[in-house]
Amino acid sequence: MDTISVNKFRDNLKSVVEQVISRHEPLKVTRRAGEAFVVVSADDWEREQETLSVLQNRDLMQQIASSVESHNRGQGHKSTKEQMDEITGI
């Protein structure tokens, strides 16, 4: 994560925010006498929150782990070509 001073952030607000949005990378803003803060795009924030929600859902994580085990044993669902074409929209 890149870091910038609050003064440089303030002086270049528009371009810095555009970079955060276009690069999809958070930016840490440091303050001389205080706590630092992080700037992140709204889309990235929502994705992070979704990921945290999934990771905190024990039942869902158990289902994912079970699916991975089945796949590793070669016992997972095998889609037909027609099903794959329908899934991928081909």
N, C-alpha and C. Protein backbone atom coordinates (compact mmCIF):
# COMPACT_ATOMS: atom_id res chain seq x y z
N MET A 1 0.85 -1.16 0.00
CA MET A 1 0.00 0.00 0.00
C MET A 1 0.90 1.23 0.00
N ASP A 2 0.62 2.13 -0.93
CA ASP A 2 1.36 3.39 -1.00
C ASP A 2 0.96 4.29 0.17
N THR A 3 1.87 5.19 0.52
CA THR A 3 1.63 6.13 1.61
C THR A 3 1.89 7.55 1.11
N ILE A 4 1.09 8.49 1.61
CA ILE A 4 1.22 9.90 1.22
C ILE A 4 0.94 10.75 2.46
N SER A 5 1.55 11.91 2.52
CA SER A 5 1.27 12.82 3.65
C SER A 5 -0.08 13.48 3.44
N VAL A 6 -0.69 13.89 4.52
CA VAL A 6 -2.00 14.54 4.43
C VAL A 6 -1.90 15.84 3.63
N ASN A 7 -0.78 16.55 3.74
CA ASN A 7 -0.61 17.79 2.99
C ASN A 7 -0.57 17.52 1.49
N LYS A 8 0.20 16.52 1.08
CA LYS A 8 0.29 16.17 -0.34
C LYS A 8 -1.06 15.64 -0.83
N PHE A 9 -1.75 14.88 0.02
CA PHE A 9 -3.07 14.37 -0.32
C PHE A 9 -4.04 15.53 -0.57
N ARG A 10 -4.05 16.48 0.33
CA ARG A 10 -4.94 17.64 0.22
C ARG A 10 -4.61 18.45 -1.03
N ASP A 11 -3.33 18.66 -1.30
CA ASP A 11 -2.93 19.48 -2.45
C ASP A 11 -3.24 18.82 -3.79
N ASN A 12 -3.30 17.49 -3.79
CA ASN A 12 -3.52 16.74 -5.04
C ASN A 12 -4.75 15.86 -4.97
N LEU A 13 -5.75 16.31 -4.24
CA LEU A 13 -6.92 15.49 -3.93
C LEU A 13 -7.53 14.83 -5.17
N LYS A 14 -7.84 15.59 -6.19
CA LYS A 14 -8.52 15.05 -7.36
C LYS A 14 -7.70 13.95 -8.03
N SER A 15 -6.43 14.21 -8.29
CA SER A 15 -5.61 13.21 -8.99
C SER A 15 -5.34 11.98 -8.12
N VAL A 16 -5.17 12.20 -6.83
CA VAL A 16 -4.92 11.08 -5.92
C VAL A 16 -6.14 10.17 -5.85
N VAL A 17 -7.32 10.76 -5.73
CA VAL A 17 -8.55 9.97 -5.67
C VAL A 17 -8.75 9.21 -6.99
N GLU A 18 -8.49 9.86 -8.11
CA GLU A 18 -8.60 9.18 -9.41
C GLU A 18 -7.67 7.97 -9.48
N GLN A 19 -6.46 8.10 -8.93
CA GLN A 19 -5.52 6.97 -8.93
C GLN A 19 -6.03 5.83 -8.06
N VAL A 20 -6.56 6.15 -6.89
CA VAL A 20 -7.09 5.12 -5.99
C VAL A 20 -8.20 4.35 -6.70
N ILE A 21 -9.08 5.07 -7.38
CA ILE A 21 -10.21 4.43 -8.07
C ILE A 21 -9.73 3.61 -9.25
N SER A 22 -8.85 4.16 -10.08
CA SER A 22 -8.43 3.45 -11.30
C SER A 22 -7.50 2.27 -11.02
N ARG A 23 -6.65 2.38 -10.00
CA ARG A 23 -5.71 1.30 -9.69
C ARG A 23 -6.30 0.22 -8.79
N HIS A 24 -7.43 0.52 -8.16
CA HIS A 24 -8.05 -0.41 -7.20
C HIS A 24 -7.08 -0.78 -6.09
N GLU A 25 -6.32 0.23 -5.63
CA GLU A 25 -5.38 0.03 -4.54
C GLU A 25 -5.65 1.09 -3.46
N PRO A 26 -5.72 0.68 -2.20
CA PRO A 26 -5.93 1.67 -1.14
C PRO A 26 -4.69 2.55 -0.97
N LEU A 27 -4.89 3.69 -0.37
CA LEU A 27 -3.80 4.63 -0.13
C LEU A 27 -3.82 5.03 1.34
N LYS A 28 -2.68 4.91 2.00
CA LYS A 28 -2.56 5.30 3.40
C LYS A 28 -2.13 6.77 3.46
N VAL A 29 -2.90 7.57 4.19
CA VAL A 29 -2.60 8.99 4.34
C VAL A 29 -2.13 9.21 5.78
N THR A 30 -0.92 9.74 5.92
CA THR A 30 -0.33 9.94 7.25
C THR A 30 -0.48 11.40 7.67
N ARG A 31 -0.69 11.57 8.96
CA ARG A 31 -0.81 12.90 9.55
C ARG A 31 0.33 13.09 10.52
N ARG A 32 0.88 14.28 10.53
CA ARG A 32 2.04 14.56 11.37
C ARG A 32 1.73 14.32 12.84
N ALA A 33 0.60 14.80 13.31
CA ALA A 33 0.26 14.67 14.73
C ALA A 33 -1.09 13.97 14.87
N GLY A 34 -1.09 12.68 14.53
CA GLY A 34 -2.35 11.96 14.67
C GLY A 34 -2.35 10.64 13.93
N GLU A 35 -3.49 10.01 13.99
CA GLU A 35 -3.65 8.71 13.36
C GLU A 35 -3.67 8.83 11.84
N ALA A 36 -3.16 7.83 11.17
CA ALA A 36 -3.23 7.77 9.71
C ALA A 36 -4.61 7.27 9.33
N PHE A 37 -4.98 7.45 8.07
CA PHE A 37 -6.23 6.90 7.57
C PHE A 37 -6.01 6.34 6.18
N VAL A 38 -6.97 5.56 5.70
CA VAL A 38 -6.86 4.89 4.41
C VAL A 38 -7.97 5.36 3.50
N VAL A 39 -7.61 5.62 2.24
CA VAL A 39 -8.58 5.99 1.21
C VAL A 39 -8.73 4.79 0.28
N VAL A 40 -9.98 4.40 0.04
CA VAL A 40 -10.27 3.25 -0.81
C VAL A 40 -11.52 3.58 -1.62
N SER A 41 -11.61 3.06 -2.85
CA SER A 41 -12.80 3.34 -3.66
C SER A 41 -14.01 2.63 -3.06
N ALA A 42 -15.18 3.16 -3.34
CA ALA A 42 -16.42 2.56 -2.81
C ALA A 42 -16.60 1.14 -3.33
N ASP A 43 -16.30 0.90 -4.61
CA ASP A 43 -16.43 -0.45 -5.17
C ASP A 43 -15.51 -1.44 -4.46
N ASP A 44 -14.27 -1.02 -4.23
CA ASP A 44 -13.32 -1.89 -3.54
C ASP A 44 -13.76 -2.15 -2.10
N TRP A 45 -14.26 -1.12 -1.44
CA TRP A 45 -14.75 -1.26 -0.06
C TRP A 45 -15.88 -2.28 -0.01
N GLU A 46 -16.83 -2.19 -0.94
CA GLU A 46 -17.95 -3.13 -0.96
C GLU A 46 -17.48 -4.56 -1.20
N ARG A 47 -16.51 -4.73 -2.12
CA ARG A 47 -15.96 -6.07 -2.36
C ARG A 47 -15.28 -6.62 -1.11
N GLU A 48 -14.54 -5.78 -0.42
CA GLU A 48 -13.87 -6.21 0.81
C GLU A 48 -14.90 -6.63 1.86
N GLN A 49 -15.97 -5.87 1.99
CA GLN A 49 -17.00 -6.19 2.96
C GLN A 49 -17.69 -7.50 2.61
N GLU A 50 -17.93 -7.73 1.32
CA GLU A 50 -18.52 -9.01 0.88
C GLU A 50 -17.60 -10.17 1.24
N THR A 51 -16.32 -10.00 0.98
CA THR A 51 -15.35 -11.05 1.28
C THR A 51 -15.32 -11.34 2.77
N LEU A 52 -15.30 -10.30 3.58
CA LEU A 52 -15.31 -10.50 5.04
C LEU A 52 -16.58 -11.22 5.49
N SER A 53 -17.69 -10.89 4.89
CA SER A 53 -18.96 -11.53 5.23
C SER A 53 -18.91 -13.02 4.93
N VAL A 54 -18.37 -13.37 3.77
CA VAL A 54 -18.24 -14.79 3.40
C VAL A 54 -17.30 -15.50 4.36
N LEU A 55 -16.16 -14.89 4.64
CA LEU A 55 -15.17 -15.52 5.52
C LEU A 55 -15.68 -15.71 6.94
N GLN A 56 -16.61 -14.87 7.37
CA GLN A 56 -17.15 -14.97 8.72
C GLN A 56 -18.33 -15.93 8.81
N ASN A 57 -18.83 -16.41 7.68
CA ASN A 57 -19.96 -17.32 7.65
C ASN A 57 -19.44 -18.76 7.77
N ARG A 58 -19.51 -19.33 8.95
CA ARG A 58 -18.95 -20.67 9.20
C ARG A 58 -19.57 -21.74 8.30
N ASP A 59 -20.89 -21.71 8.14
CA ASP A 59 -21.56 -22.72 7.32
C ASP A 59 -21.08 -22.65 5.87
N LEU A 60 -20.99 -21.45 5.34
CA LEU A 60 -20.53 -21.29 3.96
C LEU A 60 -19.09 -21.73 3.81
N MET A 61 -18.24 -21.38 4.76
CA MET A 61 -16.84 -21.79 4.69
C MET A 61 -16.70 -23.30 4.79
N GLN A 62 -17.55 -23.96 5.57
CA GLN A 62 -17.52 -25.43 5.65
C GLN A 62 -17.96 -26.03 4.32
N GLN A 63 -18.96 -25.43 3.67
CA GLN A 63 -19.40 -25.92 2.36
C GLN A 63 -18.29 -25.77 1.33
N ILE A 64 -17.59 -24.65 1.37
CA ILE A 64 -16.48 -24.42 0.43
C ILE A 64 -15.38 -25.44 0.68
N ALA A 65 -15.02 -25.67 1.94
CA ALA A 65 -13.96 -26.65 2.27
C ALA A 65 -14.37 -28.04 1.82
N SER A 66 -15.62 -28.40 2.02
CA SER A 66 -16.12 -29.71 1.58
C SER A 66 -16.05 -29.84 0.07
N SER A 67 -16.40 -28.78 -0.62
CA SER A 67 -16.34 -28.79 -2.09
C SER A 67 -14.92 -28.95 -2.59
N VAL A 68 -13.98 -28.27 -1.94
CA VAL A 68 -12.57 -28.38 -2.32
C VAL A 68 -12.08 -29.81 -2.10
N GLU A 69 -12.46 -30.42 -0.97
CA GLU A 69 -12.06 -31.80 -0.71
C GLU A 69 -12.63 -32.74 -1.77
N SER A 70 -13.89 -32.57 -2.11
CA SER A 70 -14.52 -33.41 -3.15
C SER A 70 -13.79 -33.23 -4.48
N HIS A 71 -13.48 -32.00 -4.82
CA HIS A 71 -12.78 -31.72 -6.07
C HIS A 71 -11.40 -32.38 -6.08
N ASN A 72 -10.68 -32.25 -4.97
CA ASN A 72 -9.33 -32.83 -4.88
C ASN A 72 -9.35 -34.35 -4.98
N ARG A 73 -10.45 -34.97 -4.55
CA ARG A 73 -10.58 -36.42 -4.67
C ARG A 73 -11.13 -36.84 -6.03
N GLY A 74 -11.43 -35.86 -6.87
CA GLY A 74 -11.98 -36.16 -8.19
C GLY A 74 -13.43 -36.59 -8.14
N GLN A 75 -14.13 -36.23 -7.07
CA GLN A 75 -15.51 -36.66 -6.89
C GLN A 75 -16.50 -35.52 -7.09
N GLY A 76 -16.03 -34.39 -7.58
CA GLY A 76 -16.92 -33.25 -7.78
C GLY A 76 -17.82 -33.45 -8.99
N HIS A 77 -18.76 -32.56 -9.15
CA HIS A 77 -19.70 -32.58 -10.27
C HIS A 77 -18.95 -32.33 -11.57
N LYS A 78 -19.24 -33.12 -12.58
CA LYS A 78 -18.64 -32.93 -13.90
C LYS A 78 -19.74 -32.46 -14.84
N SER A 79 -19.65 -31.20 -15.27
CA SER A 79 -20.65 -30.65 -16.18
C SER A 79 -20.44 -31.16 -17.59
N THR A 80 -21.54 -31.33 -18.31
CA THR A 80 -21.46 -31.71 -19.72
C THR A 80 -21.05 -30.48 -20.52
N LYS A 81 -20.68 -30.69 -21.78
CA LYS A 81 -20.31 -29.57 -22.64
C LYS A 81 -21.49 -28.61 -22.78
N GLU A 82 -22.68 -29.16 -22.90
CA GLU A 82 -23.87 -28.31 -23.03
C GLU A 82 -24.07 -27.45 -21.79
N GLN A 83 -23.89 -28.05 -20.61
CA GLN A 83 -24.03 -27.29 -19.37
C GLN A 83 -22.98 -26.20 -19.27
N MET A 84 -21.75 -26.52 -19.65
CA MET A 84 -20.69 -25.51 -19.62
C MET A 84 -20.96 -24.37 -20.60
N ASP A 85 -21.47 -24.71 -21.78
CA ASP A 85 -21.82 -23.68 -22.76
C ASP A 85 -22.92 -22.77 -22.20
N GLU A 86 -23.87 -23.35 -21.50
CA GLU A 86 -24.96 -22.55 -20.91
C GLU A 86 -24.42 -21.66 -19.79
N ILE A 87 -23.52 -22.19 -18.99
CA ILE A 87 -22.94 -21.42 -17.88
C ILE A 87 -22.12 -20.26 -18.42
N THR A 88 -21.31 -20.52 -19.42
CA THR A 88 -20.41 -19.49 -19.94
C THR A 88 -21.07 -18.58 -20.98
N GLY A 89 -22.28 -18.95 -21.42
CA GLY A 89 -22.99 -18.12 -22.37
C GLY A 89 -22.51 -18.27 -23.80
N ILE A 90 -21.85 -19.36 -24.08
CA ILE A 90 -21.37 -19.60 -25.46
C ILE A 90 -22.46 -20.23 -26.29
